[in-house]
Amino acid sequence: MSKFTKEMVTDYANKLMIGLTEEETKMVLEEFEIIDKNIDVINKIPDIDKIEPMSYCLDDFSYVLREDVIEESVPTQDLLMNCDDASGDEVCVPKVVE
């Protein structure tokens, strides 16, 4: 016997204000059945309740920080010589949003 019914799916869809067609309702029921079968398979694993949940897939990941190295940068005025239009220390670009 199925844990999910057409009436349940229709009721939840109405509560969520999602209009489902008959075909979509059938698809959702089929997906729920697949999910339910997979959960049953997982629940049959011996001692599954003793397994610690994984909190992060890269638990052994370590950050490698480097020293900050101060480097000389290009003067702003030299950079602005490459643009078509500038105002002060800023690049002027055409408006793209109205």
PDB file of N, CA and C in Angstrom:
ATOM      1  N   MET A   1       0.853  -1.187   0.000  1.00  0.00           N
ATOM      2  CA  MET A   1       0.000   0.000   0.000  1.00  0.00           C
ATOM      3  C   MET A   1       0.890   1.238   0.000  1.00  0.00           C
ATOM      4  N   SER A   2       0.545   2.174  -0.818  1.00  0.00           N
ATOM      5  CA  SER A   2       1.333   3.390  -0.964  1.00  0.00           C
ATOM      6  C   SER A   2       1.120   4.334   0.214  1.00  0.00           C
ATOM      7  N   LYS A   3       2.212   4.979   0.635  1.00  0.00           N
ATOM      8  CA  LYS A   3       2.127   5.968   1.707  1.00  0.00           C
ATOM      9  C   LYS A   3       1.587   7.294   1.184  1.00  0.00           C
ATOM     10  N   PHE A   4       1.641   7.473  -0.130  1.00  0.00           N
ATOM     11  CA  PHE A   4       1.237   8.725  -0.748  1.00  0.00           C
ATOM     12  C   PHE A   4       0.015   8.495  -1.624  1.00  0.00           C
ATOM     13  N   THR A   5      -0.921   9.423  -1.558  1.00  0.00           N
ATOM     14  CA  THR A   5      -2.135   9.299  -2.363  1.00  0.00           C
ATOM     15  C   THR A   5      -2.278  10.526  -3.247  1.00  0.00           C
ATOM     16  N   LYS A   6      -3.107  10.375  -4.251  1.00  0.00           N
ATOM     17  CA  LYS A   6      -3.386  11.483  -5.160  1.00  0.00           C
ATOM     18  C   LYS A   6      -3.979  12.658  -4.376  1.00  0.00           C
ATOM     19  N   GLU A   7      -4.834  12.348  -3.404  1.00  0.00           N
ATOM     20  CA  GLU A   7      -5.469  13.396  -2.603  1.00  0.00           C
ATOM     21  C   GLU A   7      -4.440  14.165  -1.780  1.00  0.00           C
ATOM     22  N   MET A   8      -3.431  13.461  -1.253  1.00  0.00           N
ATOM     23  CA  MET A   8      -2.373  14.121  -0.484  1.00  0.00           C
ATOM     24  C   MET A   8      -1.598  15.093  -1.371  1.00  0.00           C
ATOM     25  N   VAL A   9      -1.220  14.629  -2.549  1.00  0.00           N
ATOM     26  CA  VAL A   9      -0.445  15.473  -3.464  1.00  0.00           C
ATOM     27  C   VAL A   9      -1.275  16.683  -3.882  1.00  0.00           C
ATOM     28  N   THR A  10      -2.537  16.479  -4.207  1.00  0.00           N
ATOM     29  CA  THR A  10      -3.414  17.580  -4.608  1.00  0.00           C
ATOM     30  C   THR A  10      -3.591  18.565  -3.469  1.00  0.00           C
ATOM     31  N   ASP A  11      -3.760  18.055  -2.246  1.00  0.00           N
ATOM     32  CA  ASP A  11      -3.931  18.923  -1.081  1.00  0.00           C
ATOM     33  C   ASP A  11      -2.683  19.776  -0.845  1.00  0.00           C
ATOM     34  N   TYR A  12      -1.507  19.150  -0.878  1.00  0.00           N
ATOM     35  CA  TYR A  12      -0.262  19.911  -0.692  1.00  0.00           C
ATOM     36  C   TYR A  12      -0.054  20.912  -1.821  1.00  0.00           C
ATOM     37  N   ALA A  13      -0.352  20.528  -3.048  1.00  0.00           N
ATOM     38  CA  ALA A  13      -0.206  21.436  -4.186  1.00  0.00           C
ATOM     39  C   ALA A  13      -1.120  22.645  -4.018  1.00  0.00           C
ATOM     40  N   ASN A  14      -2.341  22.413  -3.545  1.00  0.00           N
ATOM     41  CA  ASN A  14      -3.267  23.522  -3.316  1.00  0.00           C
ATOM     42  C   ASN A  14      -2.776  24.436  -2.196  1.00  0.00           C
ATOM     43  N   LYS A  15      -2.239  23.847  -1.128  1.00  0.00           N
ATOM     44  CA  LYS A  15      -1.710  24.654  -0.020  1.00  0.00           C
ATOM     45  C   LYS A  15      -0.527  25.502  -0.466  1.00  0.00           C
ATOM     46  N   LEU A  16       0.270  24.966  -1.388  1.00  0.00           N
ATOM     47  CA  LEU A  16       1.433  25.691  -1.901  1.00  0.00           C
ATOM     48  C   LEU A  16       1.075  26.565  -3.102  1.00  0.00           C
ATOM     49  N   MET A  17      -0.204  26.563  -3.450  1.00  0.00           N
ATOM     50  CA  MET A  17      -0.708  27.328  -4.599  1.00  0.00           C
ATOM     51  C   MET A  17      -0.006  26.946  -5.891  1.00  0.00           C
ATOM     52  N   ILE A  18       0.180  25.640  -6.063  1.00  0.00           N
ATOM     53  CA  ILE A  18       0.768  25.101  -7.289  1.00  0.00           C
ATOM     54  C   ILE A  18      -0.339  24.340  -8.011  1.00  0.00           C
ATOM     55  N   GLY A  19      -0.683  24.779  -9.176  1.00  0.00           N
ATOM     56  CA  GLY A  19      -1.702  24.072  -9.936  1.00  0.00           C
ATOM     57  C   GLY A  19      -1.079  22.913 -10.687  1.00  0.00           C
ATOM     58  N   LEU A  20      -1.418  21.696 -10.298  1.00  0.00           N
ATOM     59  CA  LEU A  20      -0.875  20.515 -10.970  1.00  0.00           C
ATOM     60  C   LEU A  20      -1.928  19.896 -11.874  1.00  0.00           C
ATOM     61  N   THR A  21      -1.490  19.507 -13.056  1.00  0.00           N
ATOM     62  CA  THR A  21      -2.378  18.767 -13.941  1.00  0.00           C
ATOM     63  C   THR A  21      -2.405  17.312 -13.491  1.00  0.00           C
ATOM     64  N   GLU A  22      -3.283  16.531 -14.085  1.00  0.00           N
ATOM     65  CA  GLU A  22      -3.357  15.100 -13.755  1.00  0.00           C
ATOM     66  C   GLU A  22      -2.020  14.420 -14.053  1.00  0.00           C
ATOM     67  N   GLU A  23      -1.410  14.785 -15.174  1.00  0.00           N
ATOM     68  CA  GLU A  23      -0.134  14.192 -15.562  1.00  0.00           C
ATOM     69  C   GLU A  23       0.963  14.555 -14.551  1.00  0.00           C
ATOM     70  N   GLU A  24       0.979  15.811 -14.103  1.00  0.00           N
ATOM     71  CA  GLU A  24       1.977  16.247 -13.127  1.00  0.00           C
ATOM     72  C   GLU A  24       1.760  15.571 -11.773  1.00  0.00           C
ATOM     73  N   THR A  25       0.505  15.411 -11.393  1.00  0.00           N
ATOM     74  CA  THR A  25       0.199  14.717 -10.133  1.00  0.00           C
ATOM     75  C   THR A  25       0.687  13.275 -10.196  1.00  0.00           C
ATOM     76  N   LYS A  26       0.471  12.618 -11.326  1.00  0.00           N
ATOM     77  CA  LYS A  26       0.932  11.237 -11.503  1.00  0.00           C
ATOM     78  C   LYS A  26       2.463  11.175 -11.423  1.00  0.00           C
ATOM     79  N   MET A  27       3.149  12.155 -12.051  1.00  0.00           N
ATOM     80  CA  MET A  27       4.610  12.193 -12.037  1.00  0.00           C
ATOM     81  C   MET A  27       5.124  12.373 -10.601  1.00  0.00           C
ATOM     82  N   VAL A  28       4.476  13.276  -9.834  1.00  0.00           N
ATOM     83  CA  VAL A  28       4.889  13.509  -8.445  1.00  0.00           C
ATOM     84  C   VAL A  28       4.701  12.239  -7.622  1.00  0.00           C
ATOM     85  N   LEU A  29       3.597  11.554  -7.797  1.00  0.00           N
ATOM     86  CA  LEU A  29       3.356  10.297  -7.070  1.00  0.00           C
ATOM     87  C   LEU A  29       4.419   9.250  -7.409  1.00  0.00           C
ATOM     88  N   GLU A  30       4.785   9.155  -8.677  1.00  0.00           N
ATOM     89  CA  GLU A  30       5.820   8.200  -9.082  1.00  0.00           C
ATOM     90  C   GLU A  30       7.167   8.566  -8.454  1.00  0.00           C
ATOM     91  N   GLU A  31       7.490   9.858  -8.408  1.00  0.00           N
ATOM     92  CA  GLU A  31       8.738  10.300  -7.791  1.00  0.00           C
ATOM     93  C   GLU A  31       8.741   9.991  -6.294  1.00  0.00           C
ATOM     94  N   PHE A  32       7.605  10.248  -5.620  1.00  0.00           N
ATOM     95  CA  PHE A  32       7.506   9.936  -4.194  1.00  0.00           C
ATOM     96  C   PHE A  32       7.713   8.452  -3.935  1.00  0.00           C
ATOM     97  N   GLU A  33       7.194   7.612  -4.811  1.00  0.00           N
ATOM     98  CA  GLU A  33       7.365   6.163  -4.659  1.00  0.00           C
ATOM     99  C   GLU A  33       8.839   5.782  -4.784  1.00  0.00           C
ATOM    100  N   ILE A  34       9.533   6.384  -5.720  1.00  0.00           N
ATOM    101  CA  ILE A  34      10.962   6.108  -5.895  1.00  0.00           C
ATOM    102  C   ILE A  34      11.739   6.555  -4.659  1.00  0.00           C
ATOM    103  N   ILE A  35      11.427   7.748  -4.171  1.00  0.00           N
ATOM    104  CA  ILE A  35      12.091   8.263  -2.965  1.00  0.00           C
ATOM    105  C   ILE A  35      11.813   7.350  -1.781  1.00  0.00           C
ATOM    106  N   ASP A  36      10.570   6.934  -1.637  1.00  0.00           N
ATOM    107  CA  ASP A  36      10.190   6.058  -0.523  1.00  0.00           C
ATOM    108  C   ASP A  36      10.931   4.721  -0.591  1.00  0.00           C
ATOM    109  N   LYS A  37      11.065   4.152  -1.777  1.00  0.00           N
ATOM    110  CA  LYS A  37      11.798   2.891  -1.931  1.00  0.00           C
ATOM    111  C   LYS A  37      13.270   3.059  -1.562  1.00  0.00           C
ATOM    112  N   ASN A  38      13.868   4.193  -1.968  1.00  0.00           N
ATOM    113  CA  ASN A  38      15.268   4.449  -1.631  1.00  0.00           C
ATOM    114  C   ASN A  38      15.462   4.631  -0.127  1.00  0.00           C
ATOM    115  N   ILE A  39      14.528   5.277   0.517  1.00  0.00           N
ATOM    116  CA  ILE A  39      14.609   5.442   1.975  1.00  0.00           C
ATOM    117  C   ILE A  39      14.489   4.086   2.663  1.00  0.00           C
ATOM    118  N   ASP A  40      13.614   3.222   2.147  1.00  0.00           N
ATOM    119  CA  ASP A  40      13.491   1.875   2.708  1.00  0.00           C
ATOM    120  C   ASP A  40      14.800   1.101   2.583  1.00  0.00           C
ATOM    121  N   VAL A  41      15.490   1.245   1.452  1.00  0.00           N
ATOM    122  CA  VAL A  41      16.779   0.574   1.257  1.00  0.00           C
ATOM    123  C   VAL A  41      17.785   1.091   2.288  1.00  0.00           C
ATOM    124  N   ILE A  42      17.826   2.398   2.480  1.00  0.00           N
ATOM    125  CA  ILE A  42      18.751   2.988   3.452  1.00  0.00           C
ATOM    126  C   ILE A  42      18.429   2.496   4.859  1.00  0.00           C
ATOM    127  N   ASN A  43      17.156   2.429   5.193  1.00  0.00           N
ATOM    128  CA  ASN A  43      16.750   1.994   6.537  1.00  0.00           C
ATOM    129  C   ASN A  43      17.088   0.531   6.810  1.00  0.00           C
ATOM    130  N   LYS A  44      17.313  -0.252   5.774  1.00  0.00           N
ATOM    131  CA  LYS A  44      17.653  -1.671   5.954  1.00  0.00           C
ATOM    132  C   LYS A  44      19.142  -1.891   6.200  1.00  0.00           C
ATOM    133  N   ILE A  45      19.946  -0.855   6.112  1.00  0.00           N
ATOM    134  CA  ILE A  45      21.386  -0.984   6.357  1.00  0.00           C
ATOM    135  C   ILE A  45      21.588  -1.289   7.836  1.00  0.00           C
ATOM    136  N   PRO A  46      22.352  -2.348   8.152  1.00  0.00           N
ATOM    137  CA  PRO A  46      22.556  -2.708   9.558  1.00  0.00           C
ATOM    138  C   PRO A  46      23.268  -1.592  10.324  1.00  0.00           C
ATOM    139  N   ASP A  47      22.800  -1.324  11.516  1.00  0.00           N
ATOM    140  CA  ASP A  47      23.393  -0.337  12.430  1.00  0.00           C
ATOM    141  C   ASP A  47      23.484   1.066  11.839  1.00  0.00           C
ATOM    142  N   ILE A  48      22.553   1.411  10.972  1.00  0.00           N
ATOM    143  CA  ILE A  48      22.567   2.742  10.359  1.00  0.00           C
ATOM    144  C   ILE A  48      22.398   3.836  11.414  1.00  0.00           C
ATOM    145  N   ASP A  49      21.705   3.526  12.488  1.00  0.00           N
ATOM    146  CA  ASP A  49      21.479   4.523  13.538  1.00  0.00           C
ATOM    147  C   ASP A  49      22.756   4.839  14.323  1.00  0.00           C
ATOM    148  N   LYS A  50      23.788   4.012  14.168  1.00  0.00           N
ATOM    149  CA  LYS A  50      25.048   4.247  14.875  1.00  0.00           C
ATOM    150  C   LYS A  50      26.042   5.078  14.046  1.00  0.00           C
ATOM    151  N   ILE A  51      25.675   5.352  12.811  1.00  0.00           N
ATOM    152  CA  ILE A  51      26.562   6.100  11.920  1.00  0.00           C
ATOM    153  C   ILE A  51      26.435   7.597  12.216  1.00  0.00           C
ATOM    154  N   GLU A  52      27.578   8.240  12.394  1.00  0.00           N
ATOM    155  CA  GLU A  52      27.611   9.680  12.648  1.00  0.00           C
ATOM    156  C   GLU A  52      27.330  10.435  11.342  1.00  0.00           C
ATOM    157  N   PRO A  53      26.406  11.387  11.370  1.00  0.00           N
ATOM    158  CA  PRO A  53      26.134  12.143  10.142  1.00  0.00           C
ATOM    159  C   PRO A  53      27.361  12.945   9.700  1.00  0.00           C
ATOM    160  N   MET A  54      27.533  13.069   8.397  1.00  0.00           N
ATOM    161  CA  MET A  54      28.650  13.843   7.872  1.00  0.00           C
ATOM    162  C   MET A  54      28.264  15.322   7.926  1.00  0.00           C
ATOM    163  N   SER A  55      29.103  16.122   8.539  1.00  0.00           N
ATOM    164  CA  SER A  55      28.787  17.537   8.644  1.00  0.00           C
ATOM    165  C   SER A  55      29.372  18.324   7.482  1.00  0.00           C
ATOM    166  N   TYR A  56      30.465  17.846   6.922  1.00  0.00           N
ATOM    167  CA  TYR A  56      31.108  18.538   5.821  1.00  0.00           C
ATOM    168  C   TYR A  56      31.927  17.517   5.042  1.00  0.00           C
ATOM    169  N   CYS A  57      31.836  17.566   3.733  1.00  0.00           N
ATOM    170  CA  CYS A  57      32.472  16.530   2.925  1.00  0.00           C
ATOM    171  C   CYS A  57      33.998  16.616   2.929  1.00  0.00           C
ATOM    172  N   LEU A  58      34.557  17.744   3.323  1.00  0.00           N
ATOM    173  CA  LEU A  58      36.007  17.896   3.335  1.00  0.00           C
ATOM    174  C   LEU A  58      36.498  18.164   4.750  1.00  0.00           C
ATOM    175  N   ASP A  59      36.143  17.278   5.689  1.00  0.00           N
ATOM    176  CA  ASP A  59      36.523  17.479   7.091  1.00  0.00           C
ATOM    177  C   ASP A  59      38.027  17.573   7.290  1.00  0.00           C
ATOM    178  N   ASP A  60      38.808  16.925   6.442  1.00  0.00           N
ATOM    179  CA  ASP A  60      40.256  16.936   6.624  1.00  0.00           C
ATOM    180  C   ASP A  60      40.924  18.067   5.833  1.00  0.00           C
ATOM    181  N   PHE A  61      40.126  18.990   5.309  1.00  0.00           N
ATOM    182  CA  PHE A  61      40.653  20.097   4.528  1.00  0.00           C
ATOM    183  C   PHE A  61      41.399  21.066   5.442  1.00  0.00           C
ATOM    184  N   SER A  62      42.541  21.544   4.995  1.00  0.00           N
ATOM    185  CA  SER A  62      43.286  22.528   5.785  1.00  0.00           C
ATOM    186  C   SER A  62      43.586  23.738   4.915  1.00  0.00           C
ATOM    187  N   TYR A  63      43.478  24.887   5.533  1.00  0.00           N
ATOM    188  CA  TYR A  63      43.751  26.131   4.818  1.00  0.00           C
ATOM    189  C   TYR A  63      45.245  26.405   4.837  1.00  0.00           C
ATOM    190  N   VAL A  64      45.750  26.832   3.715  1.00  0.00           N
ATOM    191  CA  VAL A  64      47.150  27.211   3.630  1.00  0.00           C
ATOM    192  C   VAL A  64      47.179  28.712   3.380  1.00  0.00           C
ATOM    193  N   LEU A  65      47.653  29.448   4.358  1.00  0.00           N
ATOM    194  CA  LEU A  65      47.714  30.893   4.229  1.00  0.00           C
ATOM    195  C   LEU A  65      49.114  31.308   3.813  1.00  0.00           C
ATOM    196  N   ARG A  66      49.191  32.294   2.976  1.00  0.00           N
ATOM    197  CA  ARG A  66      50.491  32.789   2.539  1.00  0.00           C
ATOM    198  C   ARG A  66      50.734  34.154   3.171  1.00  0.00           C
ATOM    199  N   GLU A  67      51.948  34.532   3.215  1.00  0.00           N
ATOM    200  CA  GLU A  67      52.312  35.839   3.749  1.00  0.00           C
ATOM    201  C   GLU A  67      51.847  36.922   2.778  1.00  0.00           C
ATOM    202  N   ASP A  68      51.406  38.040   3.321  1.00  0.00           N
ATOM    203  CA  ASP A  68      51.059  39.169   2.478  1.00  0.00           C
ATOM    204  C   ASP A  68      52.338  39.798   1.953  1.00  0.00           C
ATOM    205  N   VAL A  69      52.368  39.973   0.648  1.00  0.00           N
ATOM    206  CA  VAL A  69      53.533  40.582   0.018  1.00  0.00           C
ATOM    207  C   VAL A  69      53.072  41.887  -0.626  1.00  0.00           C
ATOM    208  N   ILE A  70      53.654  42.970  -0.215  1.00  0.00           N
ATOM    209  CA  ILE A  70      53.293  44.267  -0.772  1.00  0.00           C
ATOM    210  C   ILE A  70      54.034  44.445  -2.090  1.00  0.00           C
ATOM    211  N   GLU A  71      53.255  44.692  -3.136  1.00  0.00           N
ATOM    212  CA  GLU A  71      53.833  44.899  -4.460  1.00  0.00           C
ATOM    213  C   GLU A  71      53.470  46.287  -4.940  1.00  0.00           C
ATOM    214  N   GLU A  72      54.331  46.845  -5.738  1.00  0.00           N
ATOM    215  CA  GLU A  72      54.068  48.165  -6.292  1.00  0.00           C
ATOM    216  C   GLU A  72      52.951  48.048  -7.326  1.00  0.00           C
ATOM    217  N   SER A  73      51.976  48.959  -7.272  1.00  0.00           N
ATOM    218  CA  SER A  73      50.875  48.908  -8.222  1.00  0.00           C
ATOM    219  C   SER A  73      51.031  50.005  -9.268  1.00  0.00           C
ATOM    220  N   VAL A  74      50.284  49.868 -10.345  1.00  0.00           N
ATOM    221  CA  VAL A  74      50.336  50.830 -11.438  1.00  0.00           C
ATOM    222  C   VAL A  74      49.592  52.091 -11.000  1.00  0.00           C
ATOM    223  N   PRO A  75      50.137  53.269 -11.265  1.00  0.00           N
ATOM    224  CA  PRO A  75      49.437  54.507 -10.907  1.00  0.00           C
ATOM    225  C   PRO A  75      48.074  54.606 -11.607  1.00  0.00           C
ATOM    226  N   THR A  76      47.086  55.097 -10.902  1.00  0.00           N
ATOM    227  CA  THR A  76      45.721  55.194 -11.423  1.00  0.00           C
ATOM    228  C   THR A  76      45.677  55.980 -12.726  1.00  0.00           C
ATOM    229  N   GLN A  77      46.379  57.077 -12.811  1.00  0.00           N
ATOM    230  CA  GLN A  77      46.353  57.909 -14.020  1.00  0.00           C
ATOM    231  C   GLN A  77      46.879  57.146 -15.238  1.00  0.00           C
ATOM    232  N   ASP A  78      47.851  56.271 -15.032  1.00  0.00           N
ATOM    233  CA  ASP A  78      48.360  55.456 -16.138  1.00  0.00           C
ATOM    234  C   ASP A  78      47.293  54.477 -16.622  1.00  0.00           C
ATOM    235  N   LEU A  79      46.538  53.912 -15.715  1.00  0.00           N
ATOM    236  CA  LEU A  79      45.463  52.988 -16.084  1.00  0.00           C
ATOM    237  C   LEU A  79      44.344  53.709 -16.810  1.00  0.00           C
ATOM    238  N   LEU A  80      44.006  54.928 -16.357  1.00  0.00           N
ATOM    239  CA  LEU A  80      42.908  55.669 -16.960  1.00  0.00           C
ATOM    240  C   LEU A  80      43.233  56.140 -18.376  1.00  0.00           C
ATOM    241  N   MET A  81      44.498  56.151 -18.740  1.00  0.00           N
ATOM    242  CA  MET A  81      44.860  56.524 -20.114  1.00  0.00           C
ATOM    243  C   MET A  81      44.346  55.487 -21.117  1.00  0.00           C
ATOM    244  N   ASN A  82      44.046  54.276 -20.673  1.00  0.00           N
ATOM    245  CA  ASN A  82      43.559  53.209 -21.553  1.00  0.00           C
ATOM    246  C   ASN A  82      42.061  53.249 -21.790  1.00  0.00           C
ATOM    247  N   CYS A  83      41.313  54.084 -21.056  1.00  0.00           N
ATOM    248  CA  CYS A  83      39.857  54.095 -21.217  1.00  0.00           C
ATOM    249  C   CYS A  83      39.431  55.290 -22.065  1.00  0.00           C
ATOM    250  N   ASP A  84      38.245  55.184 -22.660  1.00  0.00           N
ATOM    251  CA  ASP A  84      37.727  56.230 -23.541  1.00  0.00           C
ATOM    252  C   ASP A  84      37.275  57.467 -22.766  1.00  0.00           C
ATOM    253  N   ASP A  85      36.650  57.250 -21.595  1.00  0.00           N
ATOM    254  CA  ASP A  85      36.078  58.377 -20.858  1.00  0.00           C
ATOM    255  C   ASP A  85      36.322  58.174 -19.365  1.00  0.00           C
ATOM    256  N   ALA A  86      36.864  59.184 -18.724  1.00  0.00           N
ATOM    257  CA  ALA A  86      37.120  59.111 -17.286  1.00  0.00           C
ATOM    258  C   ALA A  86      36.752  60.434 -16.646  1.00  0.00           C
ATOM    259  N   SER A  87      36.325  60.355 -15.387  1.00  0.00           N
ATOM    260  CA  SER A  87      35.999  61.549 -14.618  1.00  0.00           C
ATOM    261  C   SER A  87      36.727  61.426 -13.285  1.00  0.00           C
ATOM    262  N   GLY A  88      37.742  62.238 -13.093  1.00  0.00           N
ATOM    263  CA  GLY A  88      38.552  62.119 -11.885  1.00  0.00           C
ATOM    264  C   GLY A  88      39.304  60.808 -11.909  1.00  0.00           C
ATOM    265  N   ASP A  89      39.100  59.999 -10.875  1.00  0.00           N
ATOM    266  CA  ASP A  89      39.750  58.682 -10.796  1.00  0.00           C
ATOM    267  C   ASP A  89      38.810  57.545 -11.153  1.00  0.00           C
ATOM    268  N   GLU A  90      37.695  57.852 -11.858  1.00  0.00           N
ATOM    269  CA  GLU A  90      36.697  56.838 -12.183  1.00  0.00           C
ATOM    270  C   GLU A  90      36.506  56.705 -13.686  1.00  0.00           C
ATOM    271  N   VAL A  91      36.186  55.496 -14.116  1.00  0.00           N
ATOM    272  CA  VAL A  91      35.904  55.223 -15.522  1.00  0.00           C
ATOM    273  C   VAL A  91      34.431  55.493 -15.768  1.00  0.00           C
ATOM    274  N   CYS A  92      34.097  56.217 -16.829  1.00  0.00           N
ATOM    275  CA  CYS A  92      32.708  56.471 -17.193  1.00  0.00           C
ATOM    276  C   CYS A  92      32.281  55.430 -18.238  1.00  0.00           C
ATOM    277  N   VAL A  93      31.140  54.816 -17.973  1.00  0.00           N
ATOM    278  CA  VAL A  93      30.617  53.790 -18.893  1.00  0.00           C
ATOM    279  C   VAL A  93      29.205  54.157 -19.291  1.00  0.00           C
ATOM    280  N   PRO A  94      28.739  53.685 -20.452  1.00  0.00           N
ATOM    281  CA  PRO A  94      27.384  54.010 -20.861  1.00  0.00           C
ATOM    282  C   PRO A  94      26.356  53.344 -19.944  1.00  0.00           C
ATOM    283  N   LYS A  95      25.232  54.033 -19.740  1.00  0.00           N
ATOM    284  CA  LYS A  95      24.154  53.493 -18.915  1.00  0.00           C
ATOM    285  C   LYS A  95      23.515  52.317 -19.643  1.00  0.00           C
ATOM    286  N   VAL A  96      23.364  51.201 -18.948  1.00  0.00           N
ATOM    287  CA  VAL A  96      22.805  50.014 -19.583  1.00  0.00           C
ATOM    288  C   VAL A  96      21.453  49.618 -18.995  1.00  0.00           C
ATOM    289  N   VAL A  97      21.033  50.273 -17.906  1.00  0.00           N
ATOM    290  CA  VAL A  97      19.752  49.977 -17.266  1.00  0.00           C
ATOM    291  C   VAL A  97      18.939  51.256 -17.223  1.00  0.00           C
ATOM    292  N   GLU A  98      17.690  51.169 -17.617  1.00  0.00           N
ATOM    293  CA  GLU A  98      16.849  52.357 -17.554  1.00  0.00           C
ATOM    294  C   GLU A  98      15.940  52.308 -16.376  1.00  0.00           C
TER     295      GLU A  98
END
